[in-house]
N, C-alpha and C. Protein backbone atom coordinates (compact mmCIF):
# COMPACT_ATOMS: atom_id res chain seq x y z
N MET A 1 87.40 105.18 42.90
CA MET A 1 86.20 105.07 43.69
C MET A 1 85.08 104.48 42.84
N ALA A 2 84.93 104.93 41.59
CA ALA A 2 83.90 104.40 40.71
C ALA A 2 84.13 102.92 40.45
N LEU A 3 85.40 102.54 40.33
CA LEU A 3 85.74 101.14 40.11
C LEU A 3 85.28 100.29 41.29
N ALA A 4 85.57 100.74 42.49
CA ALA A 4 85.16 100.02 43.70
C ALA A 4 83.64 99.91 43.77
N ARG A 5 82.95 101.01 43.48
CA ARG A 5 81.48 100.99 43.50
C ARG A 5 80.94 99.97 42.50
N GLY A 6 81.52 99.96 41.30
CA GLY A 6 81.08 99.04 40.26
C GLY A 6 81.27 97.58 40.65
N ILE A 7 82.42 97.27 41.20
CA ILE A 7 82.70 95.90 41.63
C ILE A 7 81.74 95.48 42.74
N LEU A 8 81.57 96.34 43.73
CA LEU A 8 80.68 96.01 44.85
C LEU A 8 79.23 95.89 44.41
N ALA A 9 78.81 96.70 43.44
CA ALA A 9 77.44 96.60 42.93
C ALA A 9 77.27 95.27 42.19
N ARG A 10 78.26 94.93 41.38
CA ARG A 10 78.20 93.67 40.63
C ARG A 10 78.14 92.47 41.58
N LEU A 11 78.84 92.58 42.71
CA LEU A 11 78.85 91.49 43.70
C LEU A 11 77.67 91.60 44.68
N ARG A 12 76.81 92.59 44.45
CA ARG A 12 75.59 92.80 45.23
C ARG A 12 75.84 93.03 46.73
N PHE A 13 76.87 93.82 47.01
CA PHE A 13 77.11 94.20 48.39
C PHE A 13 76.04 95.19 48.83
N PRO A 14 75.72 95.22 50.12
CA PRO A 14 74.73 96.20 50.60
C PRO A 14 75.22 97.64 50.38
N HIS A 15 74.27 98.54 50.24
CA HIS A 15 74.56 99.95 49.98
C HIS A 15 75.50 100.54 51.03
N ASP A 16 75.25 100.26 52.31
CA ASP A 16 76.09 100.85 53.36
C ASP A 16 77.53 100.37 53.27
N VAL A 17 77.74 99.12 52.88
CA VAL A 17 79.10 98.61 52.70
C VAL A 17 79.76 99.30 51.51
N THR A 18 79.02 99.43 50.43
CA THR A 18 79.55 100.11 49.23
C THR A 18 79.94 101.55 49.56
N GLU A 19 79.09 102.24 50.30
CA GLU A 19 79.40 103.64 50.65
C GLU A 19 80.63 103.73 51.53
N GLN A 20 80.80 102.82 52.48
CA GLN A 20 81.97 102.86 53.35
C GLN A 20 83.24 102.55 52.57
N VAL A 21 83.18 101.57 51.69
CA VAL A 21 84.37 101.25 50.87
C VAL A 21 84.72 102.45 49.99
N ALA A 22 83.71 103.08 49.39
CA ALA A 22 83.96 104.26 48.57
C ALA A 22 84.59 105.37 49.40
N ALA A 23 84.12 105.55 50.62
CA ALA A 23 84.70 106.58 51.51
C ALA A 23 86.14 106.23 51.86
N LEU A 24 86.42 104.97 52.11
CA LEU A 24 87.78 104.55 52.42
C LEU A 24 88.72 104.83 51.25
N VAL A 25 88.26 104.52 50.05
CA VAL A 25 89.06 104.77 48.85
C VAL A 25 89.27 106.28 48.65
N ALA A 26 88.18 107.03 48.80
CA ALA A 26 88.24 108.48 48.55
C ALA A 26 89.12 109.22 49.54
N ASN A 27 89.21 108.73 50.77
CA ASN A 27 89.89 109.48 51.83
C ASN A 27 91.24 108.93 52.25
N HIS A 28 91.68 107.84 51.68
CA HIS A 28 92.89 107.21 52.22
C HIS A 28 94.15 108.06 52.06
N MET A 29 94.20 108.93 51.08
CA MET A 29 95.39 109.76 50.91
C MET A 29 95.37 111.04 51.74
N ARG A 30 94.24 111.33 52.36
CA ARG A 30 94.13 112.57 53.15
C ARG A 30 95.02 112.57 54.39
N PHE A 31 95.43 111.41 54.83
CA PHE A 31 96.28 111.34 56.03
C PHE A 31 97.59 112.09 55.84
N ALA A 32 98.07 112.17 54.62
CA ALA A 32 99.31 112.91 54.35
C ALA A 32 99.15 114.39 54.68
N ASP A 33 97.92 114.89 54.60
CA ASP A 33 97.66 116.31 54.86
C ASP A 33 97.36 116.62 56.32
N VAL A 34 97.21 115.60 57.15
CA VAL A 34 96.80 115.80 58.54
C VAL A 34 97.65 116.84 59.27
N PRO A 35 98.98 116.80 59.19
CA PRO A 35 99.78 117.77 59.94
C PRO A 35 99.51 119.23 59.56
N ASN A 36 99.02 119.46 58.34
CA ASN A 36 98.79 120.83 57.86
C ASN A 36 97.33 121.23 57.83
N MET A 37 96.45 120.36 58.27
CA MET A 37 95.02 120.66 58.22
C MET A 37 94.64 121.73 59.24
N ARG A 38 93.71 122.59 58.83
CA ARG A 38 93.10 123.51 59.78
C ARG A 38 92.36 122.66 60.82
N GLU A 39 92.19 123.21 61.99
CA GLU A 39 91.51 122.48 63.07
C GLU A 39 90.11 122.03 62.65
N SER A 40 89.38 122.90 61.95
CA SER A 40 88.02 122.54 61.53
C SER A 40 88.05 121.40 60.51
N THR A 41 88.99 121.42 59.59
CA THR A 41 89.10 120.36 58.59
C THR A 41 89.48 119.05 59.25
N LEU A 42 90.41 119.11 60.18
CA LEU A 42 90.84 117.90 60.90
C LEU A 42 89.67 117.30 61.68
N LYS A 43 88.92 118.12 62.36
CA LYS A 43 87.80 117.61 63.15
C LYS A 43 86.75 116.97 62.25
N ARG A 44 86.47 117.58 61.11
CA ARG A 44 85.51 116.98 60.17
C ARG A 44 86.05 115.64 59.65
N PHE A 45 87.35 115.57 59.40
CA PHE A 45 87.97 114.33 58.94
C PHE A 45 87.85 113.25 60.01
N LEU A 46 88.17 113.59 61.24
CA LEU A 46 88.14 112.61 62.34
C LEU A 46 86.75 112.10 62.66
N ARG A 47 85.73 112.84 62.25
CA ARG A 47 84.37 112.40 62.56
C ARG A 47 83.68 111.68 61.39
N LEU A 48 84.47 111.32 60.39
CA LEU A 48 83.90 110.51 59.31
C LEU A 48 83.29 109.24 59.91
N PRO A 49 82.20 108.76 59.33
CA PRO A 49 81.62 107.50 59.84
C PRO A 49 82.65 106.37 59.80
N HIS A 50 82.69 105.59 60.84
CA HIS A 50 83.61 104.44 60.95
C HIS A 50 85.06 104.88 60.75
N PHE A 51 85.44 105.97 61.40
CA PHE A 51 86.79 106.50 61.21
C PHE A 51 87.86 105.49 61.63
N ASP A 52 87.53 104.62 62.55
CA ASP A 52 88.50 103.60 62.96
C ASP A 52 88.96 102.76 61.76
N GLU A 53 88.07 102.54 60.81
CA GLU A 53 88.45 101.79 59.61
C GLU A 53 89.39 102.61 58.72
N HIS A 54 89.16 103.90 58.63
CA HIS A 54 90.06 104.78 57.86
C HIS A 54 91.46 104.75 58.49
N LEU A 55 91.48 104.83 59.80
CA LEU A 55 92.75 104.86 60.51
C LEU A 55 93.51 103.54 60.34
N GLU A 56 92.80 102.44 60.44
CA GLU A 56 93.44 101.13 60.27
C GLU A 56 93.93 100.93 58.84
N LEU A 57 93.15 101.36 57.86
CA LEU A 57 93.60 101.28 56.47
C LEU A 57 94.88 102.09 56.28
N HIS A 58 94.92 103.27 56.86
CA HIS A 58 96.13 104.10 56.75
C HIS A 58 97.33 103.40 57.39
N ARG A 59 97.12 102.84 58.56
CA ARG A 59 98.21 102.15 59.26
C ARG A 59 98.77 101.02 58.39
N LEU A 60 97.87 100.21 57.84
CA LEU A 60 98.30 99.09 57.01
C LEU A 60 98.98 99.56 55.73
N ASP A 61 98.45 100.62 55.14
CA ASP A 61 99.03 101.19 53.92
C ASP A 61 100.46 101.65 54.19
N VAL A 62 100.65 102.36 55.29
CA VAL A 62 101.98 102.88 55.63
C VAL A 62 102.95 101.75 55.96
N LEU A 63 102.48 100.76 56.72
CA LEU A 63 103.36 99.65 57.08
C LEU A 63 103.80 98.84 55.86
N SER A 64 102.99 98.86 54.81
CA SER A 64 103.36 98.12 53.60
C SER A 64 104.20 98.96 52.64
N SER A 65 104.43 100.23 52.99
CA SER A 65 105.23 101.08 52.09
C SER A 65 106.39 101.71 52.85
N ASN A 66 106.24 102.96 53.27
CA ASN A 66 107.38 103.70 53.84
C ASN A 66 107.57 103.51 55.34
N ARG A 67 106.61 102.89 56.00
CA ARG A 67 106.68 102.60 57.45
C ARG A 67 106.73 103.84 58.33
N ARG A 68 106.39 104.99 57.78
CA ARG A 68 106.38 106.23 58.58
C ARG A 68 104.97 106.44 59.15
N LEU A 69 104.84 106.21 60.42
CA LEU A 69 103.54 106.28 61.09
C LEU A 69 103.27 107.64 61.74
N ASN A 70 103.96 108.68 61.28
CA ASN A 70 103.82 110.01 61.90
C ASN A 70 102.37 110.49 61.90
N SER A 71 101.70 110.45 60.74
CA SER A 71 100.32 110.92 60.66
C SER A 71 99.40 110.02 61.47
N TYR A 72 99.65 108.74 61.42
CA TYR A 72 98.84 107.79 62.20
C TYR A 72 98.94 108.14 63.69
N GLU A 73 100.16 108.33 64.16
CA GLU A 73 100.35 108.64 65.58
C GLU A 73 99.75 110.00 65.95
N LEU A 74 99.88 110.97 65.05
CA LEU A 74 99.28 112.29 65.29
C LEU A 74 97.76 112.17 65.41
N VAL A 75 97.15 111.43 64.51
CA VAL A 75 95.69 111.25 64.54
C VAL A 75 95.27 110.52 65.81
N LYS A 76 95.99 109.47 66.18
CA LYS A 76 95.66 108.74 67.41
C LYS A 76 95.72 109.68 68.62
N ARG A 77 96.74 110.54 68.64
CA ARG A 77 96.89 111.50 69.75
C ARG A 77 95.73 112.49 69.76
N LYS A 78 95.39 113.02 68.58
CA LYS A 78 94.28 113.99 68.49
C LYS A 78 92.97 113.35 68.94
N LEU A 79 92.72 112.12 68.51
CA LEU A 79 91.50 111.43 68.91
C LEU A 79 91.44 111.23 70.42
N ALA A 80 92.58 110.92 71.02
CA ALA A 80 92.62 110.72 72.48
C ALA A 80 92.39 112.03 73.23
N GLU A 81 92.86 113.14 72.64
CA GLU A 81 92.73 114.45 73.28
C GLU A 81 91.33 115.05 73.15
N MET A 82 90.59 114.66 72.11
CA MET A 82 89.33 115.33 71.80
C MET A 82 88.12 114.46 72.12
N PRO A 83 87.35 114.88 73.08
CA PRO A 83 86.10 114.16 73.32
C PRO A 83 85.13 114.42 72.16
N PRO A 84 84.15 113.53 71.98
CA PRO A 84 83.22 113.67 70.85
C PRO A 84 82.55 115.04 70.76
N GLU A 85 82.27 115.66 71.89
CA GLU A 85 81.60 116.97 71.84
C GLU A 85 82.50 118.07 71.27
N ARG A 86 83.82 117.85 71.24
CA ARG A 86 84.71 118.81 70.58
C ARG A 86 84.83 118.52 69.09
N LEU A 87 84.66 117.26 68.71
CA LEU A 87 84.69 116.89 67.29
C LEU A 87 83.43 117.34 66.58
N LYS A 88 82.29 117.17 67.25
CA LYS A 88 81.01 117.54 66.64
C LYS A 88 80.14 118.20 67.71
N PRO A 89 80.46 119.46 68.01
CA PRO A 89 79.67 120.16 69.02
C PRO A 89 78.28 120.48 68.49
N PRO A 90 77.32 120.67 69.39
CA PRO A 90 75.99 121.06 68.92
C PRO A 90 76.08 122.42 68.21
N PRO A 91 75.29 122.61 67.16
CA PRO A 91 75.37 123.88 66.42
C PRO A 91 75.00 125.07 67.30
N LEU A 92 75.72 126.16 67.10
CA LEU A 92 75.42 127.38 67.85
C LEU A 92 74.18 128.07 67.31
N ILE A 93 73.99 127.99 66.00
CA ILE A 93 72.79 128.55 65.37
C ILE A 93 72.30 127.57 64.31
N THR A 94 71.08 127.79 63.88
CA THR A 94 70.47 126.94 62.85
C THR A 94 69.84 127.84 61.79
N GLY A 95 69.26 127.21 60.79
CA GLY A 95 68.53 127.97 59.78
C GLY A 95 67.41 128.79 60.40
N THR A 96 66.78 128.24 61.43
CA THR A 96 65.72 128.97 62.14
C THR A 96 66.27 130.25 62.76
N SER A 97 67.48 130.19 63.30
CA SER A 97 68.12 131.37 63.87
C SER A 97 68.34 132.44 62.80
N LEU A 98 68.76 131.99 61.62
CA LEU A 98 69.01 132.93 60.52
C LEU A 98 67.72 133.57 60.05
N ILE A 99 66.66 132.77 59.95
CA ILE A 99 65.37 133.31 59.53
C ILE A 99 64.89 134.34 60.55
N ALA A 100 65.05 134.02 61.85
CA ALA A 100 64.63 134.95 62.91
C ALA A 100 65.42 136.26 62.83
N ALA A 101 66.66 136.19 62.31
CA ALA A 101 67.50 137.39 62.19
C ALA A 101 67.23 138.13 60.88
N GLY A 102 66.28 137.63 60.08
CA GLY A 102 65.90 138.32 58.86
C GLY A 102 66.56 137.82 57.59
N TYR A 103 67.28 136.73 57.65
CA TYR A 103 67.92 136.17 56.46
C TYR A 103 66.90 135.34 55.69
N PRO A 104 66.80 135.56 54.38
CA PRO A 104 65.84 134.78 53.59
C PRO A 104 66.35 133.34 53.40
N PRO A 105 65.48 132.36 53.58
CA PRO A 105 65.91 130.97 53.40
C PRO A 105 66.40 130.74 51.97
N GLY A 106 67.37 129.87 51.85
CA GLY A 106 67.88 129.55 50.53
C GLY A 106 69.19 128.82 50.60
N PRO A 107 69.77 128.56 49.44
CA PRO A 107 71.01 127.78 49.39
C PRO A 107 72.18 128.45 50.10
N ARG A 108 72.12 129.76 50.28
CA ARG A 108 73.20 130.49 50.96
C ARG A 108 73.33 130.06 52.43
N PHE A 109 72.24 129.52 52.99
CA PHE A 109 72.27 129.07 54.39
C PHE A 109 73.39 128.05 54.62
N THR A 110 73.61 127.17 53.67
CA THR A 110 74.66 126.16 53.82
C THR A 110 76.02 126.84 53.99
N GLU A 111 76.30 127.82 53.16
CA GLU A 111 77.58 128.54 53.25
C GLU A 111 77.70 129.27 54.58
N ILE A 112 76.63 129.91 55.00
CA ILE A 112 76.64 130.66 56.25
C ILE A 112 76.86 129.73 57.44
N LEU A 113 76.08 128.65 57.48
CA LEU A 113 76.17 127.72 58.62
C LEU A 113 77.50 126.98 58.63
N THR A 114 78.08 126.73 57.47
CA THR A 114 79.41 126.11 57.40
C THR A 114 80.47 127.07 57.95
N ALA A 115 80.36 128.35 57.62
CA ALA A 115 81.31 129.34 58.14
C ALA A 115 81.22 129.43 59.66
N VAL A 116 80.01 129.36 60.17
CA VAL A 116 79.81 129.39 61.63
C VAL A 116 80.41 128.14 62.26
N GLU A 117 80.14 126.98 61.67
CA GLU A 117 80.69 125.74 62.23
C GLU A 117 82.22 125.74 62.16
N ASP A 118 82.80 126.25 61.06
CA ASP A 118 84.26 126.36 60.97
C ASP A 118 84.81 127.16 62.14
N ALA A 119 84.22 128.32 62.38
CA ALA A 119 84.70 129.18 63.47
C ALA A 119 84.53 128.49 64.82
N GLN A 120 83.43 127.79 64.98
CA GLN A 120 83.20 127.05 66.23
C GLN A 120 84.25 125.95 66.41
N LEU A 121 84.52 125.20 65.36
CA LEU A 121 85.51 124.12 65.44
C LEU A 121 86.92 124.66 65.62
N GLU A 122 87.19 125.85 65.08
CA GLU A 122 88.50 126.49 65.25
C GLU A 122 88.65 127.08 66.65
N GLY A 123 87.53 127.23 67.36
CA GLY A 123 87.58 127.78 68.70
C GLY A 123 87.52 129.30 68.75
N THR A 124 87.16 129.94 67.63
CA THR A 124 87.12 131.41 67.62
C THR A 124 85.77 131.96 68.09
N ILE A 125 84.73 131.11 68.09
CA ILE A 125 83.44 131.49 68.65
C ILE A 125 82.93 130.35 69.51
N ALA A 126 82.09 130.70 70.51
CA ALA A 126 81.60 129.66 71.42
C ALA A 126 80.15 129.85 71.85
N THR A 127 79.53 130.95 71.44
CA THR A 127 78.16 131.21 71.87
C THR A 127 77.29 131.55 70.66
N PRO A 128 75.98 131.39 70.81
CA PRO A 128 75.09 131.79 69.71
C PRO A 128 75.23 133.28 69.35
N GLU A 129 75.47 134.12 70.35
CA GLU A 129 75.64 135.55 70.10
C GLU A 129 76.87 135.81 69.24
N GLU A 130 77.98 135.14 69.57
CA GLU A 130 79.19 135.29 68.77
C GLU A 130 78.97 134.77 67.35
N ALA A 131 78.18 133.70 67.24
CA ALA A 131 77.88 133.14 65.92
C ALA A 131 77.10 134.15 65.08
N MET A 132 76.09 134.79 65.65
CA MET A 132 75.31 135.76 64.90
C MET A 132 76.14 137.00 64.57
N ASP A 133 77.04 137.40 65.47
CA ASP A 133 77.95 138.50 65.16
C ASP A 133 78.82 138.16 63.95
N LEU A 134 79.32 136.95 63.92
CA LEU A 134 80.13 136.50 62.79
C LEU A 134 79.31 136.53 61.50
N VAL A 135 78.07 136.05 61.56
CA VAL A 135 77.20 136.04 60.38
C VAL A 135 77.00 137.46 59.88
N ARG A 136 76.70 138.37 60.77
CA ARG A 136 76.45 139.77 60.37
C ARG A 136 77.70 140.40 59.75
N ARG A 137 78.89 140.05 60.28
CA ARG A 137 80.14 140.58 59.74
C ARG A 137 80.49 139.98 58.39
N GLN A 138 80.37 138.66 58.27
CA GLN A 138 80.81 137.98 57.05
C GLN A 138 79.75 137.98 55.94
N PHE A 139 78.51 138.17 56.33
CA PHE A 139 77.43 138.13 55.34
C PHE A 139 76.52 139.35 55.50
N PRO A 140 77.11 140.54 55.42
CA PRO A 140 76.31 141.76 55.57
C PRO A 140 75.37 141.92 54.38
N GLY A 141 74.27 142.55 54.65
CA GLY A 141 73.34 142.85 53.56
C GLY A 141 72.55 141.64 53.09
N GLU A 142 72.78 140.49 53.69
CA GLU A 142 72.04 139.28 53.29
C GLU A 142 70.67 139.27 53.94
N SER A 143 70.57 139.87 55.13
CA SER A 143 69.29 139.84 55.83
C SER A 143 68.42 140.98 55.33
N GLY A 144 67.15 140.79 55.52
CA GLY A 144 66.20 141.82 55.10
C GLY A 144 66.15 142.99 56.06
N SER A 145 66.80 142.86 57.22
CA SER A 145 66.74 143.92 58.22
C SER A 145 67.84 144.93 58.06
């Protein structure tokens, strides 16, 4: 990835192109893990910016080597089954919700909100109330209340 960034910088490619190429390089081997990914991990993977480019790179990579398109076909099927609102649903709670519940602002918010989003993407919670219940269970004693 550093090599690609260096070459693109030397050739004066725009920042957004450099970032996309770096993402393509960094993620191209993740397709091998697709069949075993947790639902939340898969959804985060599928919503990478310009995912169509990741998918096409994988297809070309596989066709030039082992020709096994199993992961490619699985991803295509998952993408067809999942509307965008299932890939990236609106958050059930925010940092403001945590503050209102007595949680002190800080770096721990990222961990808490990621755990909530994981559960939402896995389908184990679906409402703000369920999200706050999960927070209270998994992060007890964090709030001032």
